[in-house]
Amino acid sequence: MARRNESESATGSGTQALQVPGQQTAEPKKRVAYFYDQNIGNYHYGPGHPMKPHRIRMCHSLVMNYGLYNKMEIYRARPGSKKEMTAFHTDEYIDFLSRVSPDNMEAYAKEQIKFNVGDDCPIFEGLFEYCQLSAGGSMEGAARLNNGSCDIAVNWAGGLHHAKKTEASGFCYVNDIVLSILELLRYHPRVLYIDIDIHHGDGVEEAFYTTDRVMTVSFHKHGEYFPGTGEVRDVGAGPGKYYAVNFPLRDGIDDTTYKSIFEPVIQHVVDWYKPGAIVLQCGADSLSGDKLGCFNLSMKGHANCVAFVKKLNLPLLILGGGGYTMRNVARAWCYETGVAVGQEVGPDMPFNDYYEYFGPDYKLDVKPSNMDNANTVEYLEKIKQQVFENLARSKGAPSVQMQPVPRDLDLSDDEDLDDPEKRIP
């Protein structure tokens, strides 16, 4: 089934990039496709639930008021269909998500238990439409990368890495990441997935645990912490053995320490695996001060990961993920949108629709705290060496005979799509 964008803006060519002050040479120009649906902020998990889709709307307001739209193309993706979602999830699970609602949920009591829907993953009004928007942006971002119409695709509504084939988990229902990677695999023999959310990217790792065509790399808090998986010894199985990398971390990791492990590990993996494309999950719960997190990354420390991966000059899909202090999520993802388009985003925040959320300083910044860093140099070096030793045991980049079959994109004008409120069934 061909993916097509629902509407396009005429706000920019998407081909420009500004040189960051202080750089000796300009970055290679990147064509950036940015996906946003104005309805995403309307969905609400329920009173007191930490996951708030409104944070994406706050981020978008900052992106627009900083003028980043001049450096990229903004798209409203077609919502993901049931058929597309069942490329990974079971028909029965997706059918349940499409039918259940707060009004009829009592009739689905057994299914709620079966599919792990209830407490952390509640049933709320518009649940399936929310999943469609998240998945649609990620799948179309991947399709545009395959098609060659952009170099970087951004979907902050994506990155829901805990969802499993037959169940919801960790605030995630449909695994847009797995769906987008499956799309990339239509064209690329090998895809690298990188996860900097504070939680282990278990749903994505599990989906590709037995294949060498996807390499998963997750940096995460480990121990008595959700989801409780992702030990360094978890390396994949069967043909996928040594194609899963886990870097378990302790509380309080800071910018310098994170950089000291992230960059050498990712560079080593890229040199060894030679991926054709990269998917980067940018969960913002690894930022200092997150309501559910325990790391100590600043906004710029978090964004350094995006900048480093961008410099690898491979087709790149950038996704959101966790993040539960809304004002800091919006700050970080706006700043990282600037990194993607090559524009320095200054600290003085322009007036925007949610300006009052960012008081009292009204700055685009997330500073580290004075919390202790439990990650010693010795511990990190030990884990890093284990990762390198595991990679050395593998066969390197697998050879795959395949015919590239990128999904066709219908970019022609369609009068049925002129109304931005119109939904395609």
Protein backbone atom coordinates (compact mmCIF):
# COMPACT_ATOMS: atom_id res chain seq x y z
CA MET A 1 0.00 0.00 0.00
CA ALA A 2 1.52 3.30 -1.05
CA ARG A 3 1.96 5.99 1.57
CA ARG A 4 1.18 9.55 0.64
CA ASN A 5 1.21 12.81 2.55
CA GLU A 6 -2.16 14.31 3.41
CA SER A 7 -1.09 17.91 2.95
CA GLU A 8 2.11 19.84 2.31
CA SER A 9 3.13 23.29 3.44
CA ALA A 10 4.76 25.78 1.13
CA THR A 11 6.93 27.13 3.91
CA GLY A 12 10.31 26.14 2.59
CA SER A 13 12.27 24.13 0.13
CA GLY A 14 13.70 21.85 2.80
CA THR A 15 17.09 22.06 1.13
CA GLN A 16 18.78 24.86 3.10
CA ALA A 17 21.05 24.57 6.07
CA LEU A 18 22.77 27.36 8.01
CA GLN A 19 26.32 27.18 9.21
CA VAL A 20 26.49 27.08 12.98
CA PRO A 21 28.52 30.03 14.30
CA GLY A 22 32.07 29.05 15.07
CA GLN A 23 32.22 26.19 12.61
CA GLN A 24 35.07 26.24 10.15
CA THR A 25 33.12 24.54 7.39
CA ALA A 26 29.43 24.39 6.66
CA GLU A 27 27.57 21.15 7.27
CA PRO A 28 26.43 19.26 4.21
CA LYS A 29 22.99 20.51 3.29
CA LYS A 30 20.25 18.19 4.49
CA ARG A 31 16.73 18.02 3.14
CA VAL A 32 14.52 17.64 6.18
CA ALA A 33 10.92 16.39 6.19
CA TYR A 34 9.09 17.21 9.43
CA PHE A 35 5.82 15.48 10.29
CA TYR A 36 3.16 17.05 12.49
CA ASP A 37 -0.58 16.71 12.88
CA GLN A 38 -2.36 19.49 14.73
CA ASN A 39 -4.75 17.01 16.35
CA ILE A 40 -2.01 15.11 18.19
CA GLY A 41 -2.28 17.35 21.25
CA ASN A 42 -6.01 16.69 21.61
CA TYR A 43 -5.54 13.17 22.96
CA HIS A 44 -5.38 12.62 26.71
CA TYR A 45 -4.38 9.44 28.52
CA GLY A 46 -6.43 10.46 31.55
CA PRO A 47 -6.13 12.40 34.82
CA GLY A 48 -2.76 12.02 36.47
CA HIS A 49 -1.21 9.97 33.67
CA PRO A 50 2.38 11.07 32.99
CA MET A 51 2.21 10.62 29.20
CA LYS A 52 0.87 13.85 27.70
CA PRO A 53 0.67 14.15 23.88
CA HIS A 54 0.20 17.90 24.42
CA ARG A 55 4.00 18.15 24.73
CA ILE A 56 4.26 17.60 20.96
CA ARG A 57 2.01 20.59 20.32
CA MET A 58 4.16 22.67 22.66
CA CYS A 59 7.28 21.60 20.77
CA HIS A 60 5.69 22.45 17.43
CA SER A 61 4.79 25.94 18.64
CA LEU A 62 8.44 26.54 19.54
CA VAL A 63 9.61 25.12 16.20
CA MET A 64 7.34 27.49 14.30
CA ASN A 65 8.11 30.57 16.38
CA TYR A 66 11.85 30.00 16.06
CA GLY A 67 11.35 30.04 12.27
CA LEU A 68 12.66 26.53 11.72
CA TYR A 69 9.88 25.94 9.18
CA ASN A 70 11.96 27.98 6.73
CA LYS A 71 14.58 25.22 6.68
CA MET A 72 12.41 22.15 6.15
CA GLU A 73 9.26 20.81 4.57
CA ILE A 74 6.37 20.27 6.95
CA TYR A 75 3.96 17.42 6.22
CA ARG A 76 0.79 16.05 7.69
CA ALA A 77 1.07 12.33 7.09
CA ARG A 78 -1.82 10.10 6.20
CA PRO A 79 -2.86 8.20 9.33
CA GLY A 80 -1.57 4.66 9.48
CA SER A 81 -4.10 2.05 8.42
CA LYS A 82 -5.02 -1.21 10.14
CA LYS A 83 -3.45 -3.11 7.24
CA GLU A 84 -0.17 -1.22 7.61
CA MET A 85 -0.08 -1.80 11.36
CA THR A 86 -0.51 -5.55 10.91
CA ALA A 87 2.82 -5.65 9.08
CA PHE A 88 4.04 -6.16 12.67
CA HIS A 89 1.10 -6.43 15.06
CA THR A 90 -1.45 -9.23 14.98
CA ASP A 91 -4.80 -8.68 13.28
CA GLU A 92 -6.63 -9.49 16.51
CA TYR A 93 -4.71 -6.90 18.54
CA ILE A 94 -5.11 -4.09 16.00
CA ASP A 95 -8.79 -4.93 15.55
CA PHE A 96 -9.24 -4.62 19.32
CA LEU A 97 -7.50 -1.22 19.41
CA SER A 98 -9.70 0.03 16.58
CA ARG A 99 -12.92 -1.05 18.31
CA VAL A 100 -12.45 -0.42 22.01
CA SER A 101 -13.45 2.92 23.55
CA PRO A 102 -14.33 4.30 26.99
CA ASP A 103 -17.99 3.73 26.16
CA ASN A 104 -17.70 0.02 25.35
CA MET A 105 -14.63 -1.03 27.30
CA GLU A 106 -16.61 -3.14 29.78
CA ALA A 107 -17.56 -5.46 26.93
CA TYR A 108 -13.85 -6.00 26.23
CA ALA A 109 -12.75 -6.94 29.75
CA LYS A 110 -11.07 -10.19 28.71
CA GLU A 111 -9.33 -8.55 25.76
CA GLN A 112 -7.98 -5.79 28.00
CA ILE A 113 -6.22 -8.40 30.11
CA LYS A 114 -5.02 -10.32 27.08
CA PHE A 115 -3.57 -7.24 25.37
CA ASN A 116 -2.24 -5.57 28.55
CA VAL A 117 -4.50 -2.55 28.18
CA GLY A 118 -5.77 -0.89 31.34
CA ASP A 119 -3.53 0.86 33.86
CA ASP A 120 -0.30 2.15 32.29
CA CYS A 121 -1.87 1.85 28.85
CA PRO A 122 -5.41 3.12 29.43
CA ILE A 123 -8.32 3.22 27.03
CA PHE A 124 -9.07 6.85 26.19
CA GLU A 125 -11.20 8.71 23.69
CA GLY A 126 -9.61 8.56 20.24
CA LEU A 127 -7.02 5.95 21.21
CA PHE A 128 -6.80 4.31 17.80
CA GLU A 129 -6.73 7.64 15.95
CA TYR A 130 -3.83 8.66 18.18
CA CYS A 131 -1.99 5.47 17.23
CA GLN A 132 -2.73 6.15 13.57
CA LEU A 133 -1.17 9.62 13.72
CA SER A 134 1.95 8.40 15.51
CA ALA A 135 2.48 5.46 13.17
CA GLY A 136 1.56 7.35 10.01
CA GLY A 137 4.25 9.99 10.50
CA SER A 138 6.98 7.44 11.17
CA MET A 139 6.04 5.19 8.25
CA GLU A 140 5.83 8.08 5.82
CA GLY A 141 9.12 9.46 7.09
CA ALA A 142 10.72 6.11 6.27
CA ALA A 143 9.00 6.02 2.89
CA ARG A 144 10.33 9.48 2.00
CA LEU A 145 13.83 8.44 2.99
CA ASN A 146 13.49 5.39 0.75
CA ASN A 147 12.12 7.52 -2.05
CA GLY A 148 15.07 9.91 -1.78
CA SER A 149 12.87 12.96 -1.27
CA CYS A 150 14.61 13.83 2.02
CA ASP A 151 17.81 13.10 3.93
CA ILE A 152 16.33 13.39 7.42
CA ALA A 153 12.75 12.78 8.53
CA VAL A 154 11.44 13.93 11.92
CA ASN A 155 8.33 12.67 13.73
CA TRP A 156 8.19 13.72 17.37
CA ALA A 157 4.86 11.91 17.75
CA GLY A 158 6.67 8.62 17.10
CA GLY A 159 9.22 6.64 19.07
CA LEU A 160 6.80 4.43 21.03
CA HIS A 161 9.34 1.70 21.61
CA HIS A 162 7.69 -0.54 24.22
CA ALA A 163 4.71 -1.80 22.19
CA LYS A 164 4.86 -5.52 21.46
CA LYS A 165 3.45 -7.62 18.64
CA THR A 166 0.38 -8.64 20.62
CA GLU A 167 0.19 -6.21 23.52
CA ALA A 168 0.55 -2.66 24.75
CA SER A 169 3.32 -1.75 27.16
CA GLY A 170 4.82 1.30 28.85
CA PHE A 171 2.33 3.87 27.48
CA CYS A 172 2.85 2.47 23.96
CA TYR A 173 0.18 0.71 21.88
CA VAL A 174 1.42 0.56 18.27
CA ASN A 175 5.15 0.28 17.64
CA ASP A 176 5.67 2.93 14.98
CA ILE A 177 9.42 2.32 15.14
CA VAL A 178 9.17 -1.31 14.08
CA LEU A 179 6.74 -0.33 11.31
CA SER A 180 9.12 2.35 10.02
CA ILE A 181 12.10 -0.02 10.14
CA LEU A 182 10.13 -2.59 8.15
CA GLU A 183 9.53 0.13 5.57
CA LEU A 184 13.25 0.99 5.46
CA LEU A 185 14.10 -2.70 5.00
CA ARG A 186 12.19 -2.64 1.73
CA TYR A 187 15.10 -0.62 0.33
CA HIS A 188 18.07 -1.01 2.69
CA PRO A 189 19.75 -4.37 3.42
CA ARG A 190 20.71 -3.19 6.93
CA VAL A 191 19.11 -0.69 9.31
CA LEU A 192 20.59 0.60 12.57
CA TYR A 193 18.28 1.51 15.46
CA ILE A 194 19.62 3.75 18.27
CA ASP A 195 17.66 4.46 21.46
CA ILE A 196 18.59 7.19 23.98
CA ASP A 197 15.37 7.04 26.00
CA ILE A 198 16.07 6.32 29.67
CA HIS A 199 14.04 3.12 29.32
CA HIS A 200 15.30 0.09 27.41
CA GLY A 201 13.97 -0.11 23.85
CA ASP A 202 12.58 -3.56 24.51
CA GLY A 203 9.78 -3.67 21.94
CA VAL A 204 12.07 -2.85 19.04
CA GLU A 205 14.82 -5.18 20.22
CA GLU A 206 12.34 -8.04 20.66
CA ALA A 207 10.92 -7.53 17.16
CA PHE A 208 14.33 -7.89 15.52
CA TYR A 209 16.11 -10.10 18.07
CA THR A 210 16.62 -13.00 15.66
CA THR A 211 17.65 -11.13 12.51
CA ASP A 212 20.93 -9.60 11.40
CA ARG A 213 19.20 -7.10 9.11
CA VAL A 214 18.47 -4.75 12.01
CA MET A 215 21.02 -3.78 14.63
CA THR A 216 19.50 -2.38 17.83
CA VAL A 217 21.56 -0.24 20.23
CA SER A 218 20.00 0.94 23.49
CA PHE A 219 21.52 3.15 26.20
CA HIS A 220 19.28 2.97 29.26
CA LYS A 221 18.87 2.84 33.02
CA HIS A 222 19.08 -0.75 34.22
CA GLY A 223 18.24 -2.41 37.49
CA GLU A 224 14.92 -2.14 39.30
CA TYR A 225 13.51 0.03 36.57
CA PHE A 226 10.93 -0.47 33.83
CA PRO A 227 10.96 -2.60 31.71
CA GLY A 228 13.71 -4.51 33.55
CA THR A 229 15.41 -5.79 30.40
CA GLY A 230 18.49 -4.83 28.42
CA GLU A 231 21.50 -6.38 30.09
CA VAL A 232 24.83 -6.22 28.29
CA ARG A 233 24.70 -9.98 27.80
CA ASP A 234 21.44 -9.71 25.84
CA VAL A 235 22.94 -9.76 22.35
CA GLY A 236 20.33 -11.35 20.08
CA ALA A 237 19.66 -14.96 19.11
CA GLY A 238 19.98 -17.24 16.10
CA PRO A 239 20.93 -15.27 12.97
CA GLY A 240 20.56 -12.12 15.08
CA LYS A 241 23.12 -13.09 17.69
CA TYR A 242 25.45 -10.14 18.41
CA TYR A 243 23.17 -7.78 16.47
CA ALA A 244 21.60 -6.40 19.64
CA VAL A 245 23.68 -4.03 21.77
CA ASN A 246 22.68 -2.98 25.28
CA PHE A 247 24.51 -0.43 27.39
CA PRO A 248 23.01 -0.50 30.90
CA LEU A 249 23.58 2.70 32.87
CA ARG A 250 23.26 3.86 36.46
CA ASP A 251 21.64 6.96 37.92
CA GLY A 252 22.95 10.45 37.32
CA ILE A 253 24.86 10.09 34.07
CA ASP A 254 25.92 13.53 32.81
CA ASP A 255 26.80 15.04 29.44
CA THR A 256 30.53 14.33 29.50
CA THR A 257 30.12 10.75 30.63
CA TYR A 258 27.33 10.01 28.16
CA LYS A 259 29.36 11.44 25.29
CA SER A 260 32.34 9.29 26.31
CA ILE A 261 30.35 6.11 25.70
CA PHE A 262 27.80 7.09 23.06
CA GLU A 263 30.17 8.35 20.40
CA PRO A 264 32.75 5.52 20.42
CA VAL A 265 30.06 2.82 20.63
CA ILE A 266 27.99 4.25 17.78
CA GLN A 267 31.05 4.91 15.62
CA HIS A 268 32.26 1.36 16.21
CA VAL A 269 28.84 -0.08 15.37
CA VAL A 270 28.51 1.98 12.19
CA ASP A 271 32.01 1.08 10.99
CA TRP A 272 31.37 -2.58 11.70
CA TYR A 273 27.73 -2.96 10.62
CA LYS A 274 27.66 -0.50 7.68
CA PRO A 275 23.95 0.33 7.87
CA GLY A 276 22.10 1.86 4.95
CA ALA A 277 19.84 3.95 7.20
CA ILE A 278 19.50 4.90 10.86
CA VAL A 279 16.47 5.31 13.12
CA LEU A 280 17.18 7.42 16.23
CA GLN A 281 14.71 7.36 19.12
CA CYS A 282 15.19 10.55 21.15
CA GLY A 283 13.26 9.84 24.34
CA ALA A 284 13.54 12.98 26.47
CA ASP A 285 13.11 11.24 29.81
CA SER A 286 16.89 10.93 29.90
CA LEU A 287 17.03 14.70 30.50
CA SER A 288 17.82 16.10 33.92
CA GLY A 289 14.70 16.79 35.96
CA ASP A 290 12.37 14.39 34.18
CA LYS A 291 9.44 13.32 36.35
CA LEU A 292 10.07 9.63 35.70
CA GLY A 293 13.78 9.77 34.93
CA CYS A 294 17.00 9.61 36.93
CA PHE A 295 19.66 10.74 34.44
CA ASN A 296 21.30 14.16 34.42
CA LEU A 297 21.67 15.14 30.77
CA SER A 298 21.34 18.76 29.74
CA MET A 299 19.43 19.75 26.63
CA LYS A 300 22.67 20.18 24.70
CA GLY A 301 24.10 16.92 26.01
CA HIS A 302 21.02 15.09 24.76
CA ALA A 303 21.16 16.94 21.44
CA ASN A 304 24.82 16.01 21.00
CA CYS A 305 23.63 12.48 20.22
CA VAL A 306 21.45 13.82 17.40
CA ALA A 307 24.29 15.94 16.05
CA PHE A 308 26.72 13.03 16.14
CA VAL A 309 24.37 10.66 14.33
CA LYS A 310 23.53 13.34 11.76
CA LYS A 311 27.23 13.71 10.91
CA LEU A 312 27.35 10.05 9.90
CA ASN A 313 25.62 11.22 6.69
CA LEU A 314 23.20 8.32 6.37
CA PRO A 315 19.45 8.51 5.77
CA LEU A 316 18.10 9.34 9.22
CA LEU A 317 14.68 9.01 10.83
CA ILE A 318 14.45 10.99 14.09
CA LEU A 319 11.64 10.04 16.47
CA GLY A 320 10.35 11.11 19.88
CA GLY A 321 9.63 8.76 22.75
CA GLY A 322 9.40 9.20 26.50
CA GLY A 323 9.64 12.48 28.36
CA TYR A 324 7.37 13.55 31.18
CA THR A 325 8.37 17.08 32.16
CA MET A 326 6.50 18.68 29.28
CA ARG A 327 8.29 22.01 29.10
CA ASN A 328 11.68 20.28 28.92
CA VAL A 329 10.52 17.79 26.29
CA ALA A 330 9.34 20.68 24.13
CA ARG A 331 12.62 22.53 24.64
CA ALA A 332 14.79 19.54 23.77
CA TRP A 333 12.89 18.45 20.69
CA CYS A 334 12.71 22.00 19.35
CA TYR A 335 16.47 22.35 19.82
CA GLU A 336 17.05 19.00 18.14
CA THR A 337 14.86 20.05 15.22
CA GLY A 338 17.30 22.93 14.86
CA VAL A 339 20.19 20.46 14.90
CA ALA A 340 18.47 18.46 12.15
CA VAL A 341 18.07 21.48 9.86
CA GLY A 342 21.47 22.95 10.71
CA GLN A 343 20.24 26.12 12.40
CA GLU A 344 21.52 27.31 15.75
CA VAL A 345 18.55 27.88 18.07
CA GLY A 346 19.27 30.59 20.62
CA PRO A 347 18.37 30.53 24.31
CA ASP A 348 16.06 33.55 24.23
CA MET A 349 12.65 32.02 23.70
CA PRO A 350 10.31 33.79 21.27
CA PHE A 351 6.74 34.37 22.36
CA ASN A 352 4.66 31.30 21.56
CA ASP A 353 1.28 29.75 22.30
CA TYR A 354 2.57 28.15 25.51
CA TYR A 355 4.98 30.83 26.67
CA GLU A 356 3.71 30.72 30.28
CA TYR A 357 4.76 27.06 30.59
CA PHE A 358 8.42 28.03 30.28
CA GLY A 359 8.67 30.46 33.19
CA PRO A 360 10.27 31.78 35.19
CA ASP A 361 13.33 32.04 32.92
CA TYR A 362 11.65 31.64 29.50
CA LYS A 363 14.84 30.17 28.09
CA LEU A 364 15.40 27.32 25.66
CA ASP A 365 17.62 25.33 27.96
CA VAL A 366 17.60 22.33 30.29
CA LYS A 367 20.43 22.49 32.77
CA PRO A 368 21.91 19.56 34.72
CA SER A 369 21.42 19.33 38.46
CA ASN A 370 23.99 18.58 41.15
CA MET A 371 22.89 14.94 41.52
CA ASP A 372 25.60 12.33 41.97
CA ASN A 373 26.79 10.36 38.95
CA ALA A 374 26.79 6.67 39.90
CA ASN A 375 28.49 5.73 36.61
CA THR A 376 32.18 5.39 37.39
CA VAL A 377 34.81 5.49 34.69
CA GLU A 378 35.72 1.90 35.56
CA TYR A 379 32.12 0.69 35.22
CA LEU A 380 31.55 2.40 31.88
CA GLU A 381 34.86 1.18 30.49
CA LYS A 382 34.01 -2.37 31.53
CA ILE A 383 30.62 -2.26 29.77
CA LYS A 384 32.12 -0.62 26.70
CA GLN A 385 34.75 -3.32 26.37
CA GLN A 386 32.08 -6.01 26.74
CA VAL A 387 30.12 -4.38 23.92
CA PHE A 388 33.19 -4.28 21.69
CA GLU A 389 34.02 -7.91 22.50
CA ASN A 390 30.49 -8.98 21.62
CA LEU A 391 30.71 -7.19 18.29
CA ALA A 392 34.04 -8.87 17.56
CA ARG A 393 32.36 -12.26 17.91
CA SER A 394 29.92 -11.55 15.11
CA LYS A 395 30.34 -11.90 11.37
CA GLY A 396 30.14 -8.18 10.69
CA ALA A 397 27.87 -6.64 8.11
CA PRO A 398 25.66 -9.38 6.64
CA SER A 399 25.33 -9.63 2.87
CA VAL A 400 21.73 -9.53 1.66
CA GLN A 401 20.59 -10.21 -1.87
CA MET A 402 17.52 -8.12 -2.44
CA GLN A 403 15.62 -5.94 -4.88
CA PRO A 404 15.03 -2.41 -3.59
CA VAL A 405 11.28 -1.85 -3.43
CA PRO A 406 10.67 1.58 -1.91
CA ARG A 407 7.05 2.38 -1.23
CA ASP A 408 5.64 4.67 -3.90
CA LEU A 409 4.63 8.12 -2.73
CA ASP A 410 1.71 9.79 -4.44
CA LEU A 411 2.72 13.43 -4.29
CA SER A 412 0.27 14.65 -6.91
CA ASP A 413 -2.41 17.17 -6.03
CA ASP A 414 -5.60 15.53 -4.82
CA GLU A 415 -8.71 17.61 -4.32
CA ASP A 416 -9.88 15.15 -1.65
CA LEU A 417 -6.90 16.16 0.46
CA ASP A 418 -7.27 19.92 0.22
CA ASP A 419 -9.18 20.18 3.49
CA PRO A 420 -6.56 19.90 6.26
CA GLU A 421 -9.24 18.46 8.56
CA LYS A 422 -10.05 15.70 6.07
CA ARG A 423 -9.20 12.17 7.12
CA ILE A 424 -8.55 9.31 4.73
CA PRO A 425 -10.33 6.13 5.86
